[in-house]
C-alpha atoms as a PDB file:
ATOM      1  CA  MET A   1       8.089 -10.297 -45.127  1.00  0.00           C
ATOM      2  CA  GLY A   2      11.639 -10.964 -43.882  1.00  0.00           C
ATOM      3  CA  LYS A   3      12.621  -7.285 -44.186  1.00  0.00           C
ATOM      4  CA  PHE A   4       9.521  -6.264 -42.238  1.00  0.00           C
ATOM      5  CA  LEU A   5      10.340  -8.676 -39.399  1.00  0.00           C
ATOM      6  CA  VAL A   6      13.957  -7.448 -39.274  1.00  0.00           C
ATOM      7  CA  GLY A   7      12.661  -3.857 -39.192  1.00  0.00           C
ATOM      8  CA  VAL A   8      10.374  -4.654 -36.228  1.00  0.00           C
ATOM      9  CA  ILE A   9      13.198  -6.365 -34.330  1.00  0.00           C
ATOM     10  CA  VAL A  10      15.626  -3.498 -34.994  1.00  0.00           C
ATOM     11  CA  THR A  11      12.989  -0.956 -33.881  1.00  0.00           C
ATOM     12  CA  ILE A  12      12.423  -2.821 -30.621  1.00  0.00           C
ATOM     13  CA  ILE A  13      16.167  -3.052 -29.971  1.00  0.00           C
ATOM     14  CA  VAL A  14      16.617   0.683 -30.664  1.00  0.00           C
ATOM     15  CA  LEU A  15      13.742   1.580 -28.298  1.00  0.00           C
ATOM     16  CA  VAL A  16      15.154  -0.623 -25.518  1.00  0.00           C
ATOM     17  CA  LEU A  17      18.632   0.835 -25.967  1.00  0.00           C
ATOM     18  CA  ALA A  18      17.225   4.385 -26.000  1.00  0.00           C
ATOM     19  CA  GLY A  19      15.349   3.703 -22.735  1.00  0.00           C
ATOM     20  CA  LEU A  20      18.476   2.272 -21.149  1.00  0.00           C
ATOM     21  CA  GLY A  21      20.494   5.244 -22.376  1.00  0.00           C
ATOM     22  CA  LEU A  22      18.022   7.700 -20.841  1.00  0.00           C
ATOM     23  CA  ALA A  23      18.209   5.842 -17.541  1.00  0.00           C
ATOM     24  CA  MET A  24      21.975   5.350 -17.471  1.00  0.00           C
ATOM     25  CA  PHE A  25      22.772   8.964 -18.368  1.00  0.00           C
ATOM     26  CA  GLY A  26      20.517  10.335 -15.626  1.00  0.00           C
ATOM     27  CA  TYR A  27      17.654  11.719 -17.696  1.00  0.00           C
ATOM     28  CA  LEU A  28      14.942   9.935 -15.696  1.00  0.00           C
ATOM     29  CA  PRO A  29      13.848  11.717 -12.497  1.00  0.00           C
ATOM     30  CA  THR A  30      14.538   9.913  -9.222  1.00  0.00           C
ATOM     31  CA  GLN A  31      13.365  12.494  -6.670  1.00  0.00           C
ATOM     32  CA  ALA A  32      11.000  11.188  -3.998  1.00  0.00           C
ATOM     33  CA  ASP A  33       9.477  14.615  -3.336  1.00  0.00           C
ATOM     34  CA  VAL A  34       7.816  15.224  -6.719  1.00  0.00           C
ATOM     35  CA  PRO A  35       4.791  13.439  -8.143  1.00  0.00           C
ATOM     36  CA  PRO A  36       5.671  10.770 -10.693  1.00  0.00           C
ATOM     37  CA  PRO A  37       4.295  10.855 -14.230  1.00  0.00           C
ATOM     38  CA  HIS A  38       0.956   9.107 -14.714  1.00  0.00           C
ATOM     39  CA  LEU A  39       2.446   6.413 -16.947  1.00  0.00           C
ATOM     40  CA  GLU A  40       5.119   5.583 -14.370  1.00  0.00           C
ATOM     41  CA  ARG A  41       2.488   5.249 -11.603  1.00  0.00           C
ATOM     42  CA  ARG A  42       0.353   2.987 -13.754  1.00  0.00           C
ATOM     43  CA  LEU A  43       3.220   0.756 -14.809  1.00  0.00           C
ATOM     44  CA  ALA A  44       4.618   0.481 -11.286  1.00  0.00           C
ATOM     45  CA  MET A  45       1.305  -0.425  -9.638  1.00  0.00           C
ATOM     46  CA  GLY A  46       0.455  -2.846 -12.431  1.00  0.00           C
ATOM     47  CA  ALA A  47       3.822  -4.538 -11.985  1.00  0.00           C
ATOM     48  CA  VAL A  48       3.325  -4.830  -8.204  1.00  0.00           C
ATOM     49  CA  ASP A  49      -0.141  -6.359  -8.609  1.00  0.00           C
ATOM     50  CA  ALA A  50       1.040  -8.786 -11.306  1.00  0.00           C
ATOM     51  CA  SER A  51       4.019  -9.827  -9.174  1.00  0.00           C
ATOM     52  CA  MET A  52       1.770 -10.453  -6.165  1.00  0.00           C
ATOM     53  CA  GLU A  53      -0.558 -12.594  -8.257  1.00  0.00           C
ATOM     54  CA  ARG A  54       2.348 -14.634  -9.588  1.00  0.00           C
ATOM     55  CA  HIS A  55       4.479 -15.036  -6.444  1.00  0.00           C
ATOM     56  CA  ALA A  56       2.264 -14.763  -3.366  1.00  0.00           C
ATOM     57  CA  PRO A  57       0.969 -18.100  -2.093  1.00  0.00           C
ATOM     58  CA  HIS A  58      -2.818 -18.036  -1.839  1.00  0.00           C
ATOM     59  CA  VAL A  59      -2.933 -19.183   1.777  1.00  0.00           C
ATOM     60  CA  LEU A  60      -5.589 -18.779   4.426  1.00  0.00           C
ATOM     61  CA  ASN A  61      -4.938 -16.930   7.653  1.00  0.00           C
ATOM     62  CA  PRO A  62      -4.198 -19.641  10.245  1.00  0.00           C
ATOM     63  CA  LEU A  63      -5.388 -17.334  13.045  1.00  0.00           C
ATOM     64  CA  SER A  64      -9.064 -16.689  13.562  1.00  0.00           C
ATOM     65  CA  PRO A  65     -10.007 -13.012  13.892  1.00  0.00           C
ATOM     66  CA  THR A  66     -10.739 -13.181  17.626  1.00  0.00           C
ATOM     67  CA  ASP A  67     -10.936  -9.950  19.576  1.00  0.00           C
ATOM     68  CA  GLN A  68      -7.534 -10.648  21.126  1.00  0.00           C
ATOM     69  CA  ASN A  69      -5.843 -11.379  17.773  1.00  0.00           C
ATOM     70  CA  VAL A  70      -7.285  -8.218  16.222  1.00  0.00           C
ATOM     71  CA  ILE A  71      -6.279  -6.110  19.247  1.00  0.00           C
ATOM     72  CA  ASP A  72      -2.787  -7.629  19.124  1.00  0.00           C
ATOM     73  CA  GLY A  73      -2.668  -6.769  15.407  1.00  0.00           C
ATOM     74  CA  MET A  74      -3.712  -3.212  16.238  1.00  0.00           C
ATOM     75  CA  LYS A  75      -0.881  -2.920  18.775  1.00  0.00           C
ATOM     76  CA  ILE A  76       1.696  -4.345  16.347  1.00  0.00           C
ATOM     77  CA  TYR A  77       0.430  -1.990  13.623  1.00  0.00           C
ATOM     78  CA  THR A  78       0.798   0.988  15.980  1.00  0.00           C
ATOM     79  CA  MET A  79       4.360   0.036  16.910  1.00  0.00           C
ATOM     80  CA  ASN A  80       5.626  -0.862  13.432  1.00  0.00           C
ATOM     81  CA  CYS A  81       3.367   0.464  10.676  1.00  0.00           C
ATOM     82  CA  ALA A  82       1.739   3.701  11.830  1.00  0.00           C
ATOM     83  CA  LEU A  83       4.823   5.862  11.257  1.00  0.00           C
ATOM     84  CA  CYS A  84       4.431   5.417   7.495  1.00  0.00           C
ATOM     85  CA  HIS A  85       0.819   4.259   7.049  1.00  0.00           C
ATOM     86  CA  GLY A  86      -0.986   6.584   9.468  1.00  0.00           C
ATOM     87  CA  GLY A  87      -1.940   6.241  13.108  1.00  0.00           C
ATOM     88  CA  LEU A  88      -5.141   5.004  14.660  1.00  0.00           C
ATOM     89  CA  ASP A  89      -6.068   8.620  15.335  1.00  0.00           C
ATOM     90  CA  ARG A  90      -6.668   8.721  11.549  1.00  0.00           C
ATOM     91  CA  LYS A  91      -4.168  11.511  11.040  1.00  0.00           C
ATOM     92  CA  PRO A  92      -1.914  11.043   8.021  1.00  0.00           C
ATOM     93  CA  SER A  93       1.722  10.338   8.676  1.00  0.00           C
ATOM     94  CA  SER A  94       3.970  13.326   8.105  1.00  0.00           C
ATOM     95  CA  LEU A  95       6.664  10.896   6.958  1.00  0.00           C
ATOM     96  CA  ALA A  96       4.403   9.545   4.192  1.00  0.00           C
ATOM     97  CA  ARG A  97       4.890  12.717   2.116  1.00  0.00           C
ATOM     98  CA  SER A  98       8.617  11.987   1.988  1.00  0.00           C
ATOM     99  CA  PHE A  99       8.247   8.640   0.240  1.00  0.00           C
ATOM    100  CA  TYR A 100       7.885   7.792  -3.420  1.00  0.00           C
ATOM    101  CA  PRO A 101       5.555   6.245  -3.965  1.00  0.00           C
ATOM    102  CA  PRO A 102       3.770   7.544  -0.881  1.00  0.00           C
ATOM    103  CA  PRO A 103       2.573   4.730   1.375  1.00  0.00           C
ATOM    104  CA  PRO A 104      -1.193   4.346   1.573  1.00  0.00           C
ATOM    105  CA  ASN A 105      -2.940   5.522   4.731  1.00  0.00           C
ATOM    106  CA  LEU A 106      -4.246   2.123   5.812  1.00  0.00           C
ATOM    107  CA  ILE A 107      -6.539   3.530   8.494  1.00  0.00           C
ATOM    108  CA  SER A 108      -8.376   6.078   6.328  1.00  0.00           C
ATOM    109  CA  ASP A 109      -8.324   3.766   3.299  1.00  0.00           C
ATOM    110  CA  PRO A 110      -8.204   0.153   4.536  1.00  0.00           C
ATOM    111  CA  PRO A 111      -6.901  -2.366   2.018  1.00  0.00           C
ATOM    112  CA  ASP A 112      -9.508  -4.410   0.200  1.00  0.00           C
ATOM    113  CA  ASP A 113      -6.997  -7.021  -0.924  1.00  0.00           C
ATOM    114  CA  PRO A 114      -7.384 -10.668   0.055  1.00  0.00           C
ATOM    115  CA  GLU A 115      -5.589 -11.614   3.267  1.00  0.00           C
ATOM    116  CA  TRP A 116      -2.940 -13.661   1.420  1.00  0.00           C
ATOM    117  CA  HIS A 117      -2.019 -10.524  -0.556  1.00  0.00           C
ATOM    118  CA  THR A 118      -1.764  -8.328   2.538  1.00  0.00           C
ATOM    119  CA  PHE A 119       0.263 -10.961   4.418  1.00  0.00           C
ATOM    120  CA  TYR A 120       2.677 -11.414   1.506  1.00  0.00           C
ATOM    121  CA  THR A 121       3.165  -7.638   1.280  1.00  0.00           C
ATOM    122  CA  ILE A 122       3.948  -7.454   4.998  1.00  0.00           C
ATOM    123  CA  ARG A 123       6.244 -10.497   4.941  1.00  0.00           C
ATOM    124  CA  THR A 124       8.271  -9.707   1.809  1.00  0.00           C
ATOM    125  CA  GLY A 125       7.966  -5.920   1.481  1.00  0.00           C
ATOM    126  CA  ILE A 126       7.873  -4.138  -1.870  1.00  0.00           C
ATOM    127  CA  ARG A 127      11.128  -3.340  -3.599  1.00  0.00           C
ATOM    128  CA  TYR A 128      11.894   0.326  -4.436  1.00  0.00           C
ATOM    129  CA  THR A 129       9.063   1.663  -2.256  1.00  0.00           C
ATOM    130  CA  GLY A 130      10.478   1.828   1.256  1.00  0.00           C
ATOM    131  CA  MET A 131       8.137  -0.977   2.406  1.00  0.00           C
ATOM    132  CA  PRO A 132      10.407  -3.304   4.392  1.00  0.00           C
ATOM    133  CA  ALA A 133      10.199  -7.088   4.542  1.00  0.00           C
ATOM    134  CA  TRP A 134       8.785  -7.589   8.035  1.00  0.00           C
ATOM    135  CA  GLY A 135       9.406 -11.330   7.749  1.00  0.00           C
ATOM    136  CA  ASN A 136      12.920 -10.614   9.013  1.00  0.00           C
ATOM    137  CA  THR A 137      11.603  -8.841  12.128  1.00  0.00           C
ATOM    138  CA  LEU A 138       8.121 -10.042  13.076  1.00  0.00           C
ATOM    139  CA  SER A 139       6.935 -13.576  13.762  1.00  0.00           C
ATOM    140  CA  GLU A 140       4.519 -15.289  11.359  1.00  0.00           C
ATOM    141  CA  ASP A 141       1.754 -15.001  13.977  1.00  0.00           C
ATOM    142  CA  ASP A 142       2.405 -11.266  14.427  1.00  0.00           C
ATOM    143  CA  MET A 143       2.241 -10.669  10.670  1.00  0.00           C
ATOM    144  CA  TRP A 144      -1.030 -12.617  10.485  1.00  0.00           C
ATOM    145  CA  LYS A 145      -2.412 -10.568  13.411  1.00  0.00           C
ATOM    146  CA  VAL A 146      -1.654  -7.315  11.575  1.00  0.00           C
ATOM    147  CA  THR A 147      -3.266  -8.851   8.486  1.00  0.00           C
ATOM    148  CA  SER A 148      -6.371  -9.715  10.549  1.00  0.00           C
ATOM    149  CA  PHE A 149      -6.563  -6.205  11.938  1.00  0.00           C
ATOM    150  CA  LEU A 150      -6.273  -4.571   8.506  1.00  0.00           C
ATOM    151  CA  SER A 151      -8.726  -6.926   6.811  1.00  0.00           C
ATOM    152  CA  HIS A 152     -11.354  -6.685   9.573  1.00  0.00           C
ATOM    153  CA  MET A 153     -11.070  -2.976  10.299  1.00  0.00           C
ATOM    154  CA  ASP A 154     -14.488  -2.240   8.816  1.00  0.00           C
ATOM    155  CA  LYS A 155     -16.205  -4.945  10.877  1.00  0.00           C
ATOM    156  CA  LEU A 156     -14.693  -4.731  14.346  1.00  0.00           C
ATOM    157  CA  SER A 157     -16.522  -6.202  17.312  1.00  0.00           C
ATOM    158  CA  PRO A 158     -17.805  -3.807  20.008  1.00  0.00           C
ATOM    159  CA  ALA A 159     -14.990  -4.930  22.363  1.00  0.00           C
ATOM    160  CA  VAL A 160     -12.300  -4.087  19.789  1.00  0.00           C
ATOM    161  CA  GLN A 161     -13.990  -0.775  18.959  1.00  0.00           C
ATOM    162  CA  GLN A 162     -14.048   0.053  22.686  1.00  0.00           C
ATOM    163  CA  TYR A 163     -10.332  -0.816  22.972  1.00  0.00           C
ATOM    164  CA  TRP A 164      -9.544   1.427  19.980  1.00  0.00           C
ATOM    165  CA  ASN A 165     -11.546   4.331  21.388  1.00  0.00           C
ATOM    166  CA  SER A 166     -10.211   4.082  24.942  1.00  0.00           C
ATOM    167  CA  ASN A 167      -6.564   3.682  23.893  1.00  0.00           C
ATOM    168  CA  PHE A 168      -6.334   5.993  20.894  1.00  0.00           C
ATOM    169  CA  GLY A 169      -8.948   8.626  21.692  1.00  0.00           C
ATOM    170  CA  THR A 170     -10.862   8.218  18.454  1.00  0.00           C
ATOM    171  CA  PRO A 171     -13.675   5.890  17.489  1.00  0.00           C
ATOM    172  CA  ALA A 172     -12.841   2.964  15.228  1.00  0.00           C
ATOM    173  CA  VAL A 173     -13.261   3.463  11.510  1.00  0.00           C
ATOM    174  CA  SER A 174     -16.516   2.227  10.030  1.00  0.00           C
ATOM    175  CA  THR A 175     -17.156   1.333   6.405  1.00  0.00           C
ATOM    176  CA  GLU A 176     -19.588   4.251   6.082  1.00  0.00           C
ATOM    177  CA  GLN A 177     -16.991   6.621   7.513  1.00  0.00           C
ATOM    178  CA  THR A 178     -14.299   5.598   5.057  1.00  0.00           C
ATOM    179  CA  LYS A 179     -16.752   5.922   2.165  1.00  0.00           C
ATOM    180  CA  GLU A 180     -17.700   9.428   3.336  1.00  0.00           C
ATOM    181  CA  GLU A 181     -14.040  10.397   3.828  1.00  0.00           C
ATOM    182  CA  LYS A 182     -13.244   9.231   0.283  1.00  0.00           C
ATOM    183  CA  LYS A 183     -16.160  11.276  -1.091  1.00  0.00           C
ATOM    184  CA  ASP A 184     -14.921  14.340   0.804  1.00  0.00           C
ATOM    185  CA  GLU A 185     -11.360  13.820  -0.501  1.00  0.00           C
ATOM    186  CA  LYS A 186     -12.651  13.584  -4.083  1.00  0.00           C
ATOM    187  CA  LYS A 187     -14.680  16.774  -3.601  1.00  0.00           C
ATOM    188  CA  ASP A 188     -11.612  18.544  -2.200  1.00  0.00           C
ATOM    189  CA  GLU A 189      -9.484  17.339  -5.132  1.00  0.00           C
ATOM    190  CA  GLY A 190     -12.140  18.538  -7.578  1.00  0.00           C
ATOM    191  CA  MET A 191     -12.167  21.978  -5.961  1.00  0.00           C
ATOM    192  CA  LYS A 192      -8.364  22.171  -6.079  1.00  0.00           C
ATOM    193  CA  HIS A 193      -8.391  21.362  -9.794  1.00  0.00           C
ATOM    194  CA  GLU A 194     -11.057  23.999 -10.441  1.00  0.00           C
ATOM    195  CA  HIS A 195      -8.930  26.691  -8.802  1.00  0.00           C
ATOM    196  CA  HIS A 196      -5.786  25.935 -10.846  1.00  0.00           C
END
């Protein structure tokens, strides 16, 4: 039994050292303009979610989602977030294709995370992704307003929808719209895979 345990420990040490060797000698790809391997994507997103669960305080938004707070959040989003996460015109950001991992288009695919999760992401950023820590730039209230906007995007009041339409030239996103857009994207992806 002792030899077996030593064998397991030695195997683990060899695997760790081999992984470090691959990384330190430059054998792991670091380009931001090529898709990452499936395993890397899975591990990275799993690590981000686990870290959020462990470190993010589960706090409630101190601001109520009034029309003014949501509109303010929309304005702050447009000024600070749209360049990477897509504008309110629902067009994808051209800069997004230059990032690894690519930032999600938060207008076409609104986050379904709890508000504490979204706020923590905005405040602290996400290491190695290009997502900055806005806590060094925006006020707490401004970060909560962006959080309110993102978490209420599928249930905007008529006044906020009117503001969106009159200022950005496109109607606000509805839940049905985003579901339809996702279906269309999946169909398009399926057709692309059939042709290759």
